[in-house]
Amino acid sequence: MLQAQIYIDKDELWGMQPLYQFIMHFLLEQNAAGATAFRGQWGFGSQHRLKRPDRLFSFDEPPMLISFIDADEKVMQIITELRKHYKGGLIVTNKVEQW
């Protein structure tokens, strides 16, 4: 099995809806075995700018992680299809075992 993790900003939009909602619905349509969206408390990316959205008077975008798992070939197929719609974010994959 393969796990894919998609790192985005929670407040990023896809058309008129939040990007994370678009991705979760996309994963449903692709029949992914399972997916979970996590809202981050703190985070930073390639610019090394710490994002702390819960800080008083913060305008930082909350980090978001969407994780999904399926058979290796299925995960790669889903990522390929997703990249046709959305080129941003960071996607990493990890080999996992189901217990």
N, C-alpha and C. Protein backbone atom coordinates (compact mmCIF):
# COMPACT_ATOMS: atom_id res chain seq x y z
N MET A 1 0.84 -1.19 0.00
CA MET A 1 0.00 0.00 0.00
C MET A 1 0.88 1.24 0.00
N LEU A 2 0.30 2.32 -0.49
CA LEU A 2 1.01 3.59 -0.58
C LEU A 2 0.15 4.66 0.07
N GLN A 3 0.80 5.53 0.83
CA GLN A 3 0.13 6.68 1.45
C GLN A 3 0.64 7.93 0.74
N ALA A 4 -0.28 8.79 0.36
CA ALA A 4 0.09 10.09 -0.22
C ALA A 4 -0.31 11.17 0.76
N GLN A 5 0.55 12.16 0.91
CA GLN A 5 0.27 13.31 1.77
C GLN A 5 0.35 14.56 0.91
N ILE A 6 -0.71 15.36 0.98
CA ILE A 6 -0.81 16.58 0.19
C ILE A 6 -0.78 17.77 1.16
N TYR A 7 0.21 18.62 1.02
CA TYR A 7 0.38 19.79 1.89
C TYR A 7 -0.09 21.03 1.13
N ILE A 8 -1.07 21.74 1.71
CA ILE A 8 -1.62 22.95 1.11
C ILE A 8 -1.91 23.96 2.22
N ASP A 9 -2.35 25.16 1.82
CA ASP A 9 -2.86 26.15 2.78
C ASP A 9 -4.37 25.95 2.89
N LYS A 10 -4.88 25.94 4.12
CA LYS A 10 -6.31 25.69 4.35
C LYS A 10 -7.19 26.71 3.64
N ASP A 11 -6.76 27.95 3.57
CA ASP A 11 -7.61 29.00 3.01
C ASP A 11 -7.49 29.14 1.50
N GLU A 12 -6.69 28.28 0.86
CA GLU A 12 -6.56 28.34 -0.59
C GLU A 12 -7.87 27.89 -1.23
N LEU A 13 -8.24 28.55 -2.32
CA LEU A 13 -9.52 28.26 -2.97
C LEU A 13 -9.33 27.55 -4.29
N TRP A 14 -10.32 26.75 -4.64
CA TRP A 14 -10.44 26.15 -5.97
C TRP A 14 -11.78 26.63 -6.50
N GLY A 15 -11.75 27.63 -7.35
CA GLY A 15 -13.00 28.26 -7.78
C GLY A 15 -13.62 28.98 -6.60
N MET A 16 -14.83 28.59 -6.24
CA MET A 16 -15.54 29.23 -5.12
C MET A 16 -15.51 28.39 -3.84
N GLN A 17 -14.84 27.23 -3.86
CA GLN A 17 -14.82 26.36 -2.69
C GLN A 17 -13.39 26.21 -2.16
N PRO A 18 -13.26 25.88 -0.90
CA PRO A 18 -11.93 25.63 -0.36
C PRO A 18 -11.25 24.48 -1.12
N LEU A 19 -9.94 24.63 -1.36
CA LEU A 19 -9.19 23.63 -2.09
C LEU A 19 -9.25 22.27 -1.42
N TYR A 20 -9.17 22.24 -0.07
CA TYR A 20 -9.19 20.94 0.60
C TYR A 20 -10.51 20.21 0.36
N GLN A 21 -11.62 20.96 0.24
CA GLN A 21 -12.90 20.32 -0.07
C GLN A 21 -12.89 19.74 -1.48
N PHE A 22 -12.34 20.51 -2.42
CA PHE A 22 -12.22 20.01 -3.80
C PHE A 22 -11.43 18.71 -3.83
N ILE A 23 -10.28 18.69 -3.12
CA ILE A 23 -9.42 17.51 -3.13
C ILE A 23 -10.13 16.31 -2.48
N MET A 24 -10.79 16.54 -1.35
CA MET A 24 -11.50 15.43 -0.69
C MET A 24 -12.61 14.87 -1.59
N HIS A 25 -13.37 15.74 -2.25
CA HIS A 25 -14.41 15.26 -3.17
C HIS A 25 -13.78 14.54 -4.37
N PHE A 26 -12.65 15.05 -4.84
CA PHE A 26 -11.92 14.41 -5.93
C PHE A 26 -11.51 12.99 -5.54
N LEU A 27 -10.98 12.84 -4.30
CA LEU A 27 -10.57 11.52 -3.82
C LEU A 27 -11.76 10.57 -3.71
N LEU A 28 -12.90 11.09 -3.29
CA LEU A 28 -14.13 10.28 -3.27
C LEU A 28 -14.51 9.80 -4.67
N GLU A 29 -14.47 10.73 -5.63
CA GLU A 29 -14.82 10.39 -7.01
C GLU A 29 -13.85 9.37 -7.60
N GLN A 30 -12.60 9.41 -7.15
CA GLN A 30 -11.59 8.48 -7.65
C GLN A 30 -11.62 7.14 -6.90
N ASN A 31 -12.52 7.02 -5.94
CA ASN A 31 -12.68 5.80 -5.13
C ASN A 31 -11.42 5.44 -4.35
N ALA A 32 -10.76 6.45 -3.78
CA ALA A 32 -9.62 6.18 -2.90
C ALA A 32 -10.11 5.35 -1.72
N ALA A 33 -9.25 4.48 -1.22
CA ALA A 33 -9.65 3.60 -0.11
C ALA A 33 -9.98 4.38 1.15
N GLY A 34 -9.31 5.49 1.39
CA GLY A 34 -9.58 6.31 2.57
C GLY A 34 -8.77 7.59 2.54
N ALA A 35 -9.29 8.63 3.16
CA ALA A 35 -8.60 9.92 3.20
C ALA A 35 -9.00 10.69 4.45
N THR A 36 -8.08 11.49 4.95
CA THR A 36 -8.34 12.34 6.10
C THR A 36 -7.68 13.69 5.86
N ALA A 37 -8.37 14.76 6.25
CA ALA A 37 -7.82 16.12 6.16
C ALA A 37 -7.50 16.61 7.57
N PHE A 38 -6.30 17.13 7.75
CA PHE A 38 -5.84 17.63 9.04
C PHE A 38 -5.52 19.11 8.94
N ARG A 39 -5.95 19.89 9.91
CA ARG A 39 -5.60 21.31 9.99
C ARG A 39 -4.41 21.44 10.92
N GLY A 40 -3.36 22.11 10.46
CA GLY A 40 -2.15 22.25 11.24
C GLY A 40 -2.22 23.42 12.22
N GLN A 41 -1.53 23.29 13.33
CA GLN A 41 -1.43 24.37 14.31
C GLN A 41 -0.33 25.35 13.94
N TRP A 42 0.80 24.83 13.54
CA TRP A 42 1.95 25.63 13.12
C TRP A 42 2.53 24.97 11.89
N GLY A 43 3.27 25.71 11.11
CA GLY A 43 3.93 25.10 9.97
C GLY A 43 4.82 26.10 9.24
N PHE A 44 5.69 25.57 8.40
CA PHE A 44 6.46 26.41 7.49
C PHE A 44 6.81 25.60 6.26
N GLY A 45 7.08 26.30 5.19
CA GLY A 45 7.40 25.65 3.92
C GLY A 45 8.78 26.05 3.44
N SER A 46 8.94 26.05 2.12
CA SER A 46 10.25 26.30 1.53
C SER A 46 10.79 27.71 1.82
N GLN A 47 9.90 28.66 2.12
CA GLN A 47 10.36 30.02 2.44
C GLN A 47 10.81 30.14 3.89
N HIS A 48 10.61 29.10 4.68
CA HIS A 48 10.98 29.08 6.10
C HIS A 48 10.34 30.23 6.88
N ARG A 49 9.10 30.55 6.52
CA ARG A 49 8.32 31.54 7.26
C ARG A 49 7.33 30.79 8.12
N LEU A 50 7.47 30.91 9.42
CA LEU A 50 6.62 30.19 10.35
C LEU A 50 5.20 30.73 10.29
N LYS A 51 4.25 29.83 10.10
CA LYS A 51 2.83 30.19 10.07
C LYS A 51 2.20 29.77 11.38
N ARG A 52 1.63 30.75 12.08
CA ARG A 52 0.96 30.49 13.36
C ARG A 52 -0.43 31.11 13.31
N PRO A 53 -1.37 30.45 12.65
CA PRO A 53 -2.68 31.05 12.43
C PRO A 53 -3.51 31.29 13.69
N ASP A 54 -3.21 30.61 14.78
CA ASP A 54 -3.99 30.79 16.00
C ASP A 54 -3.48 31.93 16.88
N ARG A 55 -2.38 32.54 16.49
CA ARG A 55 -1.81 33.66 17.23
C ARG A 55 -2.76 34.86 17.10
N LEU A 56 -2.88 35.64 18.16
CA LEU A 56 -3.74 36.81 18.16
C LEU A 56 -3.33 37.76 17.03
N PHE A 57 -4.28 38.23 16.26
CA PHE A 57 -4.09 39.16 15.15
C PHE A 57 -3.24 38.57 14.03
N SER A 58 -3.27 37.26 13.86
CA SER A 58 -2.50 36.61 12.80
C SER A 58 -3.28 36.60 11.50
N PHE A 59 -2.58 36.87 10.41
CA PHE A 59 -3.17 36.77 9.08
C PHE A 59 -2.58 35.57 8.33
N ASP A 60 -1.90 34.69 9.06
CA ASP A 60 -1.30 33.50 8.46
C ASP A 60 -2.38 32.52 8.01
N GLU A 61 -2.12 31.87 6.87
CA GLU A 61 -3.02 30.82 6.42
C GLU A 61 -2.69 29.54 7.18
N PRO A 62 -3.69 28.87 7.72
CA PRO A 62 -3.42 27.62 8.43
C PRO A 62 -2.88 26.56 7.46
N PRO A 63 -1.86 25.81 7.88
CA PRO A 63 -1.40 24.71 7.04
C PRO A 63 -2.42 23.59 7.06
N MET A 64 -2.46 22.80 6.00
CA MET A 64 -3.41 21.71 5.87
C MET A 64 -2.70 20.51 5.29
N LEU A 65 -3.05 19.33 5.78
CA LEU A 65 -2.50 18.08 5.27
C LEU A 65 -3.65 17.16 4.94
N ILE A 66 -3.66 16.65 3.72
CA ILE A 66 -4.64 15.64 3.32
C ILE A 66 -3.85 14.37 3.06
N SER A 67 -4.24 13.32 3.75
CA SER A 67 -3.56 12.03 3.62
C SER A 67 -4.54 11.01 3.06
N PHE A 68 -4.09 10.24 2.06
CA PHE A 68 -4.93 9.15 1.57
C PHE A 68 -4.09 7.92 1.28
N ILE A 69 -4.75 6.77 1.34
CA ILE A 69 -4.07 5.48 1.22
C ILE A 69 -4.84 4.59 0.26
N ASP A 70 -4.08 3.84 -0.54
CA ASP A 70 -4.67 2.85 -1.43
C ASP A 70 -3.54 1.98 -1.97
N ALA A 71 -3.87 1.12 -2.90
CA ALA A 71 -2.85 0.30 -3.57
C ALA A 71 -1.88 1.22 -4.31
N ASP A 72 -0.64 0.80 -4.43
CA ASP A 72 0.40 1.63 -5.04
C ASP A 72 -0.03 2.23 -6.38
N GLU A 73 -0.52 1.38 -7.28
CA GLU A 73 -0.89 1.84 -8.62
C GLU A 73 -2.05 2.84 -8.56
N LYS A 74 -3.00 2.58 -7.67
CA LYS A 74 -4.17 3.46 -7.54
C LYS A 74 -3.75 4.84 -7.04
N VAL A 75 -2.87 4.90 -6.04
CA VAL A 75 -2.40 6.19 -5.51
C VAL A 75 -1.69 6.97 -6.61
N MET A 76 -0.83 6.32 -7.37
CA MET A 76 -0.10 7.01 -8.44
C MET A 76 -1.06 7.50 -9.52
N GLN A 77 -2.08 6.71 -9.82
CA GLN A 77 -3.09 7.11 -10.81
C GLN A 77 -3.86 8.34 -10.32
N ILE A 78 -4.25 8.33 -9.05
CA ILE A 78 -5.00 9.46 -8.48
C ILE A 78 -4.15 10.72 -8.49
N ILE A 79 -2.88 10.61 -8.09
CA ILE A 79 -1.99 11.78 -8.09
C ILE A 79 -1.84 12.33 -9.51
N THR A 80 -1.67 11.46 -10.48
CA THR A 80 -1.55 11.89 -11.88
C THR A 80 -2.79 12.66 -12.33
N GLU A 81 -3.96 12.13 -11.98
CA GLU A 81 -5.21 12.81 -12.34
C GLU A 81 -5.37 14.13 -11.59
N LEU A 82 -5.03 14.15 -10.30
CA LEU A 82 -5.14 15.38 -9.52
C LEU A 82 -4.24 16.47 -10.09
N ARG A 83 -3.03 16.10 -10.51
CA ARG A 83 -2.09 17.08 -11.06
C ARG A 83 -2.59 17.69 -12.37
N LYS A 84 -3.52 17.06 -13.04
CA LYS A 84 -4.13 17.65 -14.24
C LYS A 84 -5.03 18.82 -13.87
N HIS A 85 -5.54 18.82 -12.64
CA HIS A 85 -6.44 19.87 -12.16
C HIS A 85 -5.73 20.89 -11.30
N TYR A 86 -4.77 20.45 -10.49
CA TYR A 86 -4.12 21.32 -9.51
C TYR A 86 -2.63 21.03 -9.47
N LYS A 87 -1.82 22.05 -9.77
CA LYS A 87 -0.37 21.87 -9.85
C LYS A 87 0.36 22.29 -8.58
N GLY A 88 -0.31 22.98 -7.67
CA GLY A 88 0.34 23.52 -6.47
C GLY A 88 0.48 22.50 -5.37
N GLY A 89 0.85 22.99 -4.20
CA GLY A 89 1.01 22.14 -3.04
C GLY A 89 2.22 21.23 -3.17
N LEU A 90 2.42 20.43 -2.16
CA LEU A 90 3.51 19.46 -2.14
C LEU A 90 2.87 18.09 -1.88
N ILE A 91 3.21 17.12 -2.71
CA ILE A 91 2.70 15.77 -2.53
C ILE A 91 3.88 14.84 -2.31
N VAL A 92 3.81 14.06 -1.23
CA VAL A 92 4.83 13.05 -0.96
C VAL A 92 4.13 11.71 -0.78
N THR A 93 4.86 10.64 -1.05
CA THR A 93 4.30 9.30 -0.86
C THR A 93 5.20 8.48 0.05
N ASN A 94 4.58 7.57 0.78
CA ASN A 94 5.29 6.67 1.67
C ASN A 94 4.71 5.28 1.54
N LYS A 95 5.58 4.30 1.55
CA LYS A 95 5.15 2.90 1.56
C LYS A 95 4.63 2.59 2.94
N VAL A 96 3.44 1.98 3.07
CA VAL A 96 2.86 1.63 4.36
C VAL A 96 2.37 0.20 4.34
N GLU A 97 2.18 -0.35 5.53
CA GLU A 97 1.63 -1.69 5.67
C GLU A 97 0.31 -1.61 6.42
N GLN A 98 -0.65 -2.41 5.98
CA GLN A 98 -1.93 -2.47 6.67
C GLN A 98 -1.88 -3.62 7.67
N TRP A 99 -2.27 -3.35 8.90
CA TRP A 99 -2.25 -4.38 9.95
C TRP A 99 -3.64 -4.81 10.27
